[in-house]
Amino acid sequence: MLIPITVNADGSSKVSASGEGGRVEAERLGRRLADAVRKVIREEMAPGGMTYTFVRGR
């Protein structure tokens, strides 16, 4: 089973699954992973986050 997950800088994402068995479950897993990635990105871009701090040069 292959589950490509793309999360773009604008927050959009694309999930697909290919292979045998469990395609619906694999796509559901991919969507949950994409949601988790977006959550981490939001947290790190907020004040005090690693990305925020890096961009601000502190």
N, C-alpha and C. Protein backbone atom coordinates (compact mmCIF):
# COMPACT_ATOMS: atom_id res chain seq x y z
N MET A 1 0.85 -1.17 0.00
CA MET A 1 0.00 0.00 0.00
C MET A 1 0.89 1.23 0.00
N LEU A 2 0.61 2.14 -0.88
CA LEU A 2 1.33 3.41 -0.99
C LEU A 2 0.34 4.53 -0.70
N ILE A 3 0.72 5.44 0.23
CA ILE A 3 -0.16 6.55 0.62
C ILE A 3 0.61 7.85 0.46
N PRO A 4 0.62 8.45 -0.74
CA PRO A 4 1.27 9.75 -0.89
C PRO A 4 0.44 10.85 -0.22
N ILE A 5 1.10 11.68 0.57
CA ILE A 5 0.44 12.79 1.26
C ILE A 5 1.19 14.06 0.91
N THR A 6 0.47 15.06 0.43
CA THR A 6 1.06 16.36 0.10
C THR A 6 0.37 17.42 0.93
N VAL A 7 1.16 18.22 1.68
CA VAL A 7 0.62 19.36 2.40
C VAL A 7 1.33 20.59 1.84
N ASN A 8 0.56 21.50 1.25
CA ASN A 8 1.11 22.68 0.61
C ASN A 8 1.24 23.84 1.59
N ALA A 9 2.03 24.82 1.23
CA ALA A 9 2.27 25.97 2.09
C ALA A 9 0.99 26.74 2.39
N ASP A 10 0.00 26.67 1.50
CA ASP A 10 -1.26 27.39 1.74
C ASP A 10 -2.22 26.60 2.62
N GLY A 11 -1.78 25.43 3.10
CA GLY A 11 -2.60 24.62 3.99
C GLY A 11 -3.45 23.58 3.30
N SER A 12 -3.50 23.61 1.98
CA SER A 12 -4.26 22.59 1.26
C SER A 12 -3.48 21.28 1.27
N SER A 13 -4.18 20.19 1.05
CA SER A 13 -3.51 18.90 1.04
C SER A 13 -4.15 17.96 0.04
N LYS A 14 -3.41 16.92 -0.30
CA LYS A 14 -3.90 15.90 -1.21
C LYS A 14 -3.45 14.56 -0.67
N VAL A 15 -4.37 13.63 -0.59
CA VAL A 15 -4.09 12.29 -0.10
C VAL A 15 -4.65 11.30 -1.10
N SER A 16 -3.87 10.29 -1.44
CA SER A 16 -4.38 9.22 -2.27
C SER A 16 -3.74 7.92 -1.81
N ALA A 17 -4.33 6.82 -2.20
CA ALA A 17 -3.81 5.51 -1.83
C ALA A 17 -3.86 4.60 -3.03
N SER A 18 -2.85 3.78 -3.16
CA SER A 18 -2.84 2.79 -4.23
C SER A 18 -2.29 1.48 -3.68
N GLY A 19 -2.69 0.43 -4.29
CA GLY A 19 -2.25 -0.89 -3.84
C GLY A 19 -3.47 -1.73 -3.49
N GLU A 20 -3.20 -2.86 -2.89
CA GLU A 20 -4.28 -3.79 -2.59
C GLU A 20 -4.77 -3.62 -1.16
N GLY A 21 -6.09 -3.72 -0.99
CA GLY A 21 -6.71 -3.76 0.32
C GLY A 21 -6.66 -2.48 1.11
N GLY A 22 -7.72 -2.23 1.84
CA GLY A 22 -7.76 -1.14 2.80
C GLY A 22 -7.62 0.26 2.24
N ARG A 23 -8.03 0.48 1.01
CA ARG A 23 -7.84 1.80 0.39
C ARG A 23 -8.56 2.90 1.17
N VAL A 24 -9.78 2.66 1.58
CA VAL A 24 -10.56 3.66 2.32
C VAL A 24 -9.86 3.98 3.64
N GLU A 25 -9.41 2.95 4.33
CA GLU A 25 -8.72 3.16 5.60
C GLU A 25 -7.39 3.89 5.40
N ALA A 26 -6.70 3.56 4.32
CA ALA A 26 -5.43 4.22 4.02
C ALA A 26 -5.64 5.70 3.73
N GLU A 27 -6.68 6.03 2.97
CA GLU A 27 -6.97 7.44 2.69
C GLU A 27 -7.37 8.18 3.95
N ARG A 28 -8.12 7.52 4.82
CA ARG A 28 -8.50 8.13 6.10
C ARG A 28 -7.25 8.41 6.94
N LEU A 29 -6.34 7.45 6.98
CA LEU A 29 -5.08 7.63 7.70
C LEU A 29 -4.30 8.79 7.10
N GLY A 30 -4.24 8.87 5.79
CA GLY A 30 -3.53 9.95 5.12
C GLY A 30 -4.10 11.31 5.46
N ARG A 31 -5.43 11.40 5.50
CA ARG A 31 -6.07 12.68 5.86
C ARG A 31 -5.76 13.06 7.30
N ARG A 32 -5.75 12.08 8.19
CA ARG A 32 -5.43 12.37 9.60
C ARG A 32 -3.98 12.81 9.74
N LEU A 33 -3.08 12.19 8.99
CA LEU A 33 -1.68 12.61 9.03
C LEU A 33 -1.51 14.03 8.48
N ALA A 34 -2.21 14.34 7.39
CA ALA A 34 -2.14 15.68 6.82
C ALA A 34 -2.67 16.71 7.82
N ASP A 35 -3.75 16.38 8.54
CA ASP A 35 -4.28 17.27 9.58
C ASP A 35 -3.24 17.49 10.69
N ALA A 36 -2.56 16.42 11.08
CA ALA A 36 -1.54 16.53 12.13
C ALA A 36 -0.37 17.40 11.67
N VAL A 37 0.03 17.27 10.42
CA VAL A 37 1.12 18.10 9.89
C VAL A 37 0.71 19.57 9.89
N ARG A 38 -0.52 19.86 9.43
CA ARG A 38 -1.00 21.25 9.44
C ARG A 38 -1.02 21.81 10.86
N LYS A 39 -1.42 21.00 11.84
CA LYS A 39 -1.47 21.45 13.23
C LYS A 39 -0.08 21.83 13.72
N VAL A 40 0.92 21.00 13.44
CA VAL A 40 2.29 21.29 13.85
C VAL A 40 2.80 22.55 13.17
N ILE A 41 2.51 22.71 11.89
CA ILE A 41 2.94 23.91 11.17
C ILE A 41 2.33 25.15 11.79
N ARG A 42 1.02 25.11 12.10
CA ARG A 42 0.37 26.26 12.74
C ARG A 42 1.02 26.59 14.08
N GLU A 43 1.30 25.56 14.88
CA GLU A 43 1.91 25.77 16.19
C GLU A 43 3.31 26.38 16.07
N GLU A 44 4.09 25.88 15.12
CA GLU A 44 5.46 26.37 14.97
C GLU A 44 5.53 27.76 14.35
N MET A 45 4.48 28.16 13.64
CA MET A 45 4.46 29.50 13.05
C MET A 45 3.88 30.54 14.01
N ALA A 46 3.29 30.09 15.10
CA ALA A 46 2.74 31.00 16.10
C ALA A 46 3.88 31.60 16.93
N PRO A 47 3.64 32.74 17.57
CA PRO A 47 4.68 33.33 18.44
C PRO A 47 5.21 32.30 19.44
N GLY A 48 6.53 32.20 19.51
CA GLY A 48 7.18 31.24 20.38
C GLY A 48 7.53 29.93 19.69
N GLY A 49 6.97 29.69 18.51
CA GLY A 49 7.25 28.47 17.76
C GLY A 49 8.61 28.54 17.08
N MET A 50 9.14 27.40 16.71
CA MET A 50 10.46 27.32 16.10
C MET A 50 10.55 28.11 14.80
N THR A 51 9.57 27.97 13.92
CA THR A 51 9.59 28.69 12.65
C THR A 51 9.46 30.19 12.87
N TYR A 52 8.56 30.58 13.76
CA TYR A 52 8.36 31.99 14.08
C TYR A 52 9.67 32.60 14.59
N THR A 53 10.31 31.89 15.52
CA THR A 53 11.56 32.37 16.10
C THR A 53 12.66 32.46 15.04
N PHE A 54 12.75 31.47 14.16
CA PHE A 54 13.77 31.47 13.12
C PHE A 54 13.58 32.65 12.16
N VAL A 55 12.35 32.87 11.73
CA VAL A 55 12.05 33.95 10.79
C VAL A 55 12.30 35.31 11.42
N ARG A 56 12.00 35.44 12.69
CA ARG A 56 12.19 36.70 13.41
C ARG A 56 13.65 36.91 13.82
N GLY A 57 14.48 35.88 13.69
CA GLY A 57 15.90 36.01 13.98
C GLY A 57 16.25 36.04 15.46
N ARG A 58 15.47 35.36 16.26
CA ARG A 58 15.73 35.37 17.70
C ARG A 58 16.20 34.05 18.19
